Amino acid sequence: MSSEFLCQDLEAKLFNWFAGRLNASIIKRSSEMKWNHRVVDLSAENNGEPIFGFREVSYSDDGTPDGYGEPFMISETMDGLKELVERLQKALAEPVVKFGDDT
C-alpha cells in the first residue's frame, strides 16, 4: 500500500471525525477544500480574555473564513514539520481571523 494512499485514507478519516465532532453533516468533502493556517482570536472561548492560536481555517466558496479546527502540530517526517513551520510563518503575516460568537 503506497504512502500516498495511506495519507489520503488518514485525511478522510480525520475529516469524518472532525465533521462528526462539529455536528457538521452538511459539510461535503471536496478535492479542492480551501484552508490554510491562520492566527485566530480565541478570546470568545476564553471568557473574553485575550488569547490567540494557530488553527487550520477553512473558507467558504466566496473566500470568507467559515470555521477552524483544533491545533494540528504533528507530521510523519521532519520535512513535513519544516513545511508546517513555513505555513505558520506565513500565517503570522496575515491579519488575525476573528469569528462571531456563533462559530
N, C-alpha and C. Protein backbone atom coordinates (compact mmCIF):
# COMPACT_ATOMS: atom_id res chain seq x y z
N MET A 1 0.85 -1.16 0.00
CA MET A 1 0.00 0.00 0.00
C MET A 1 0.90 1.23 0.00
N SER A 2 0.65 2.19 -0.90
CA SER A 2 1.52 3.36 -1.02
C SER A 2 1.27 4.34 0.13
N SER A 3 2.31 5.13 0.41
CA SER A 3 2.17 6.13 1.47
C SER A 3 1.17 7.20 1.08
N GLU A 4 1.06 7.49 -0.24
CA GLU A 4 0.06 8.48 -0.68
C GLU A 4 -1.35 8.00 -0.37
N PHE A 5 -1.62 6.71 -0.62
CA PHE A 5 -2.94 6.15 -0.31
C PHE A 5 -3.20 6.21 1.19
N LEU A 6 -2.18 5.87 1.99
CA LEU A 6 -2.36 5.91 3.44
C LEU A 6 -2.65 7.32 3.93
N CYS A 7 -1.98 8.32 3.34
CA CYS A 7 -2.24 9.72 3.73
C CYS A 7 -3.65 10.13 3.35
N GLN A 8 -4.11 9.74 2.15
CA GLN A 8 -5.47 10.08 1.73
C GLN A 8 -6.49 9.41 2.63
N ASP A 9 -6.23 8.15 3.00
CA ASP A 9 -7.14 7.43 3.89
C ASP A 9 -7.17 8.10 5.27
N LEU A 10 -6.01 8.48 5.78
CA LEU A 10 -5.94 9.15 7.08
C LEU A 10 -6.65 10.50 7.00
N GLU A 11 -6.44 11.23 5.90
CA GLU A 11 -7.10 12.52 5.73
C GLU A 11 -8.62 12.35 5.75
N ALA A 12 -9.12 11.34 5.05
CA ALA A 12 -10.57 11.09 5.02
C ALA A 12 -11.09 10.75 6.42
N LYS A 13 -10.35 9.92 7.15
CA LYS A 13 -10.77 9.54 8.50
C LYS A 13 -10.77 10.76 9.42
N LEU A 14 -9.73 11.60 9.33
CA LEU A 14 -9.68 12.80 10.16
C LEU A 14 -10.82 13.76 9.82
N PHE A 15 -11.09 13.93 8.54
CA PHE A 15 -12.19 14.80 8.12
C PHE A 15 -13.50 14.30 8.70
N ASN A 16 -13.77 13.02 8.57
CA ASN A 16 -15.02 12.46 9.09
C ASN A 16 -15.12 12.63 10.59
N TRP A 17 -14.00 12.47 11.29
CA TRP A 17 -14.01 12.64 12.74
C TRP A 17 -14.33 14.09 13.10
N PHE A 18 -13.64 15.05 12.44
CA PHE A 18 -13.90 16.46 12.73
C PHE A 18 -15.33 16.84 12.36
N ALA A 19 -15.80 16.38 11.22
CA ALA A 19 -17.17 16.70 10.80
C ALA A 19 -18.17 16.18 11.83
N GLY A 20 -17.93 14.98 12.34
CA GLY A 20 -18.82 14.43 13.36
C GLY A 20 -18.75 15.22 14.64
N ARG A 21 -17.54 15.62 15.02
CA ARG A 21 -17.37 16.40 16.25
C ARG A 21 -18.05 17.74 16.16
N LEU A 22 -18.03 18.32 15.00
CA LEU A 22 -18.65 19.63 14.82
C LEU A 22 -20.13 19.51 14.50
N ASN A 23 -20.62 18.26 14.45
CA ASN A 23 -22.00 18.02 14.09
C ASN A 23 -22.32 18.70 12.76
N ALA A 24 -21.40 18.52 11.81
CA ALA A 24 -21.49 19.23 10.55
C ALA A 24 -21.84 18.27 9.42
N SER A 25 -23.02 17.75 9.47
CA SER A 25 -23.42 16.80 8.44
C SER A 25 -23.57 17.45 7.08
N ILE A 26 -23.67 18.78 7.05
CA ILE A 26 -23.82 19.45 5.77
C ILE A 26 -22.48 19.71 5.08
N ILE A 27 -21.37 19.50 5.81
CA ILE A 27 -20.06 19.70 5.18
C ILE A 27 -19.84 18.58 4.17
N LYS A 28 -19.45 18.95 2.99
CA LYS A 28 -19.16 17.97 1.95
C LYS A 28 -17.69 18.00 1.63
N ARG A 29 -17.11 16.83 1.50
CA ARG A 29 -15.69 16.74 1.19
C ARG A 29 -15.47 17.14 -0.25
N SER A 30 -14.48 17.95 -0.47
CA SER A 30 -14.15 18.41 -1.81
C SER A 30 -12.66 18.22 -2.02
N SER A 31 -12.29 17.82 -3.24
CA SER A 31 -10.87 17.68 -3.53
C SER A 31 -10.19 19.04 -3.55
N GLU A 32 -10.98 20.10 -3.62
CA GLU A 32 -10.44 21.45 -3.62
C GLU A 32 -10.84 22.19 -2.35
N MET A 33 -10.83 21.49 -1.22
CA MET A 33 -11.17 22.12 0.05
C MET A 33 -10.21 23.27 0.29
N LYS A 34 -10.72 24.42 0.64
CA LYS A 34 -9.90 25.61 0.82
C LYS A 34 -9.61 25.82 2.30
N TRP A 35 -8.33 25.83 2.65
CA TRP A 35 -7.93 26.08 4.02
C TRP A 35 -6.49 26.54 4.03
N ASN A 36 -6.10 27.15 5.13
CA ASN A 36 -4.71 27.45 5.39
C ASN A 36 -4.55 27.66 6.90
N HIS A 37 -3.32 27.78 7.32
CA HIS A 37 -3.08 28.08 8.73
C HIS A 37 -3.20 29.57 8.92
N ARG A 38 -3.89 29.96 9.98
CA ARG A 38 -4.06 31.38 10.31
C ARG A 38 -3.99 31.54 11.82
N VAL A 39 -3.71 32.75 12.25
CA VAL A 39 -3.81 33.08 13.66
C VAL A 39 -5.26 33.45 13.91
N VAL A 40 -5.88 32.82 14.91
CA VAL A 40 -7.28 33.04 15.21
C VAL A 40 -7.39 33.64 16.61
N ASP A 41 -8.22 34.67 16.72
CA ASP A 41 -8.52 35.28 18.01
C ASP A 41 -9.51 34.36 18.72
N LEU A 42 -9.07 33.75 19.80
CA LEU A 42 -9.89 32.77 20.53
C LEU A 42 -10.43 33.35 21.85
N SER A 43 -10.45 34.66 21.95
CA SER A 43 -10.88 35.32 23.18
C SER A 43 -12.29 34.92 23.60
N ALA A 44 -13.18 34.73 22.62
CA ALA A 44 -14.57 34.34 22.95
C ALA A 44 -14.61 33.01 23.68
N GLU A 45 -13.64 32.15 23.43
CA GLU A 45 -13.58 30.84 24.10
C GLU A 45 -12.85 30.92 25.44
N ASN A 46 -12.33 32.10 25.78
CA ASN A 46 -11.53 32.28 26.97
C ASN A 46 -12.14 33.37 27.86
N ASN A 47 -13.47 33.37 27.96
CA ASN A 47 -14.19 34.35 28.79
C ASN A 47 -13.82 35.80 28.45
N GLY A 48 -13.54 36.06 27.18
CA GLY A 48 -13.21 37.41 26.74
C GLY A 48 -11.78 37.83 26.97
N GLU A 49 -11.01 37.00 27.67
CA GLU A 49 -9.60 37.31 27.90
C GLU A 49 -8.82 37.05 26.62
N PRO A 50 -7.89 37.94 26.26
CA PRO A 50 -7.15 37.77 25.01
C PRO A 50 -6.37 36.46 24.96
N ILE A 51 -6.53 35.75 23.86
CA ILE A 51 -5.76 34.53 23.59
C ILE A 51 -5.83 34.28 22.09
N PHE A 52 -4.71 33.92 21.53
CA PHE A 52 -4.61 33.67 20.09
C PHE A 52 -4.00 32.30 19.87
N GLY A 53 -4.31 31.69 18.73
CA GLY A 53 -3.74 30.39 18.42
C GLY A 53 -3.66 30.15 16.93
N PHE A 54 -2.73 29.29 16.54
CA PHE A 54 -2.66 28.83 15.16
C PHE A 54 -3.75 27.80 14.95
N ARG A 55 -4.51 27.95 13.88
CA ARG A 55 -5.57 26.99 13.55
C ARG A 55 -5.60 26.77 12.04
N GLU A 56 -6.14 25.64 11.64
CA GLU A 56 -6.44 25.40 10.23
C GLU A 56 -7.79 26.03 9.98
N VAL A 57 -7.82 27.12 9.21
CA VAL A 57 -9.04 27.86 8.93
C VAL A 57 -9.57 27.43 7.57
N SER A 58 -10.86 27.10 7.51
CA SER A 58 -11.49 26.74 6.24
C SER A 58 -12.26 27.95 5.72
N TYR A 59 -12.47 27.96 4.41
CA TYR A 59 -13.10 29.10 3.75
C TYR A 59 -14.30 28.65 2.93
N SER A 60 -15.31 29.51 2.88
CA SER A 60 -16.48 29.26 2.04
C SER A 60 -16.09 29.56 0.59
N ASP A 61 -17.00 29.26 -0.32
CA ASP A 61 -16.73 29.48 -1.74
C ASP A 61 -16.42 30.93 -2.07
N ASP A 62 -16.95 31.87 -1.28
CA ASP A 62 -16.69 33.29 -1.57
C ASP A 62 -15.40 33.79 -0.91
N GLY A 63 -14.67 32.89 -0.24
CA GLY A 63 -13.37 33.24 0.33
C GLY A 63 -13.39 33.75 1.75
N THR A 64 -14.57 33.79 2.39
CA THR A 64 -14.62 34.24 3.78
C THR A 64 -14.37 33.06 4.72
N PRO A 65 -13.64 33.30 5.81
CA PRO A 65 -13.40 32.22 6.77
C PRO A 65 -14.73 31.72 7.34
N ASP A 66 -14.90 30.39 7.38
CA ASP A 66 -16.17 29.86 7.89
C ASP A 66 -16.01 28.84 9.00
N GLY A 67 -14.80 28.60 9.45
CA GLY A 67 -14.61 27.67 10.56
C GLY A 67 -13.13 27.37 10.76
N TYR A 68 -12.84 26.73 11.88
CA TYR A 68 -11.46 26.36 12.16
C TYR A 68 -11.44 25.07 12.95
N GLY A 69 -10.29 24.39 12.86
CA GLY A 69 -10.13 23.11 13.54
C GLY A 69 -9.25 23.23 14.77
N GLU A 70 -9.06 22.12 15.40
CA GLU A 70 -8.19 22.03 16.57
C GLU A 70 -6.74 22.18 16.13
N PRO A 71 -5.85 22.49 17.07
CA PRO A 71 -4.43 22.56 16.71
C PRO A 71 -3.94 21.24 16.14
N PHE A 72 -3.12 21.30 15.13
CA PHE A 72 -2.60 20.11 14.47
C PHE A 72 -1.13 20.34 14.22
N MET A 73 -0.29 19.86 15.12
CA MET A 73 1.12 20.19 15.07
C MET A 73 2.01 18.96 14.99
N ILE A 74 1.61 17.96 14.21
CA ILE A 74 2.43 16.76 14.08
C ILE A 74 2.68 16.47 12.61
N SER A 75 3.67 15.69 12.35
CA SER A 75 3.97 15.26 10.99
C SER A 75 4.67 13.91 11.06
N GLU A 76 4.60 13.18 9.97
CA GLU A 76 5.27 11.88 9.91
C GLU A 76 6.75 12.02 9.59
N THR A 77 7.17 13.22 9.11
CA THR A 77 8.57 13.41 8.73
C THR A 77 9.05 14.77 9.21
N MET A 78 10.36 14.92 9.27
CA MET A 78 10.95 16.21 9.62
C MET A 78 10.67 17.23 8.52
N ASP A 79 10.68 16.79 7.26
CA ASP A 79 10.35 17.71 6.17
C ASP A 79 8.93 18.23 6.31
N GLY A 80 8.03 17.36 6.75
CA GLY A 80 6.64 17.78 6.98
C GLY A 80 6.55 18.84 8.06
N LEU A 81 7.34 18.69 9.14
CA LEU A 81 7.35 19.69 10.20
C LEU A 81 7.95 21.01 9.70
N LYS A 82 8.96 20.93 8.86
CA LYS A 82 9.55 22.15 8.30
C LYS A 82 8.52 22.88 7.45
N GLU A 83 7.75 22.15 6.65
CA GLU A 83 6.70 22.76 5.84
C GLU A 83 5.63 23.39 6.73
N LEU A 84 5.29 22.73 7.83
CA LEU A 84 4.31 23.27 8.77
C LEU A 84 4.81 24.59 9.35
N VAL A 85 6.08 24.64 9.74
CA VAL A 85 6.64 25.88 10.29
C VAL A 85 6.58 26.99 9.24
N GLU A 86 6.86 26.67 7.98
CA GLU A 86 6.77 27.67 6.92
C GLU A 86 5.34 28.20 6.78
N ARG A 87 4.34 27.30 6.86
CA ARG A 87 2.94 27.73 6.77
C ARG A 87 2.56 28.60 7.98
N LEU A 88 3.09 28.27 9.15
CA LEU A 88 2.79 29.06 10.34
C LEU A 88 3.44 30.44 10.24
N GLN A 89 4.64 30.51 9.67
CA GLN A 89 5.28 31.81 9.47
C GLN A 89 4.45 32.67 8.52
N LYS A 90 3.89 32.06 7.48
CA LYS A 90 3.02 32.80 6.56
C LYS A 90 1.76 33.28 7.29
N ALA A 91 1.26 32.47 8.21
CA ALA A 91 0.06 32.84 8.96
C ALA A 91 0.30 34.09 9.81
N LEU A 92 1.51 34.24 10.32
CA LEU A 92 1.83 35.41 11.13
C LEU A 92 1.81 36.70 10.31
N ALA A 93 1.98 36.59 9.00
CA ALA A 93 1.98 37.76 8.13
C ALA A 93 0.56 38.17 7.72
N GLU A 94 -0.43 37.33 7.98
CA GLU A 94 -1.82 37.60 7.61
C GLU A 94 -2.56 38.26 8.77
N PRO A 95 -3.67 38.97 8.47
CA PRO A 95 -4.48 39.53 9.57
C PRO A 95 -5.06 38.41 10.44
N VAL A 96 -5.25 38.72 11.71
CA VAL A 96 -5.85 37.77 12.65
C VAL A 96 -7.30 37.54 12.26
N VAL A 97 -7.74 36.28 12.29
CA VAL A 97 -9.12 35.94 11.98
C VAL A 97 -9.91 35.94 13.28
N LYS A 98 -11.07 36.61 13.28
CA LYS A 98 -11.94 36.61 14.45
C LYS A 98 -13.32 36.16 14.00
N PHE A 99 -13.82 35.13 14.63
CA PHE A 99 -15.14 34.60 14.32
C PHE A 99 -16.17 35.18 15.29
N GLY A 100 -17.42 35.22 14.85
CA GLY A 100 -18.50 35.68 15.73
C GLY A 100 -18.76 34.67 16.82
N ASP A 101 -19.59 35.05 17.77
CA ASP A 101 -19.91 34.19 18.89
C ASP A 101 -20.64 32.92 18.50
N ASP A 102 -21.24 32.90 17.29
CA ASP A 102 -22.00 31.72 16.87
C ASP A 102 -21.15 30.68 16.20
N THR A 103 -19.81 30.87 16.07
CA THR A 103 -18.93 29.90 15.44
C THR A 103 -18.44 28.89 16.43
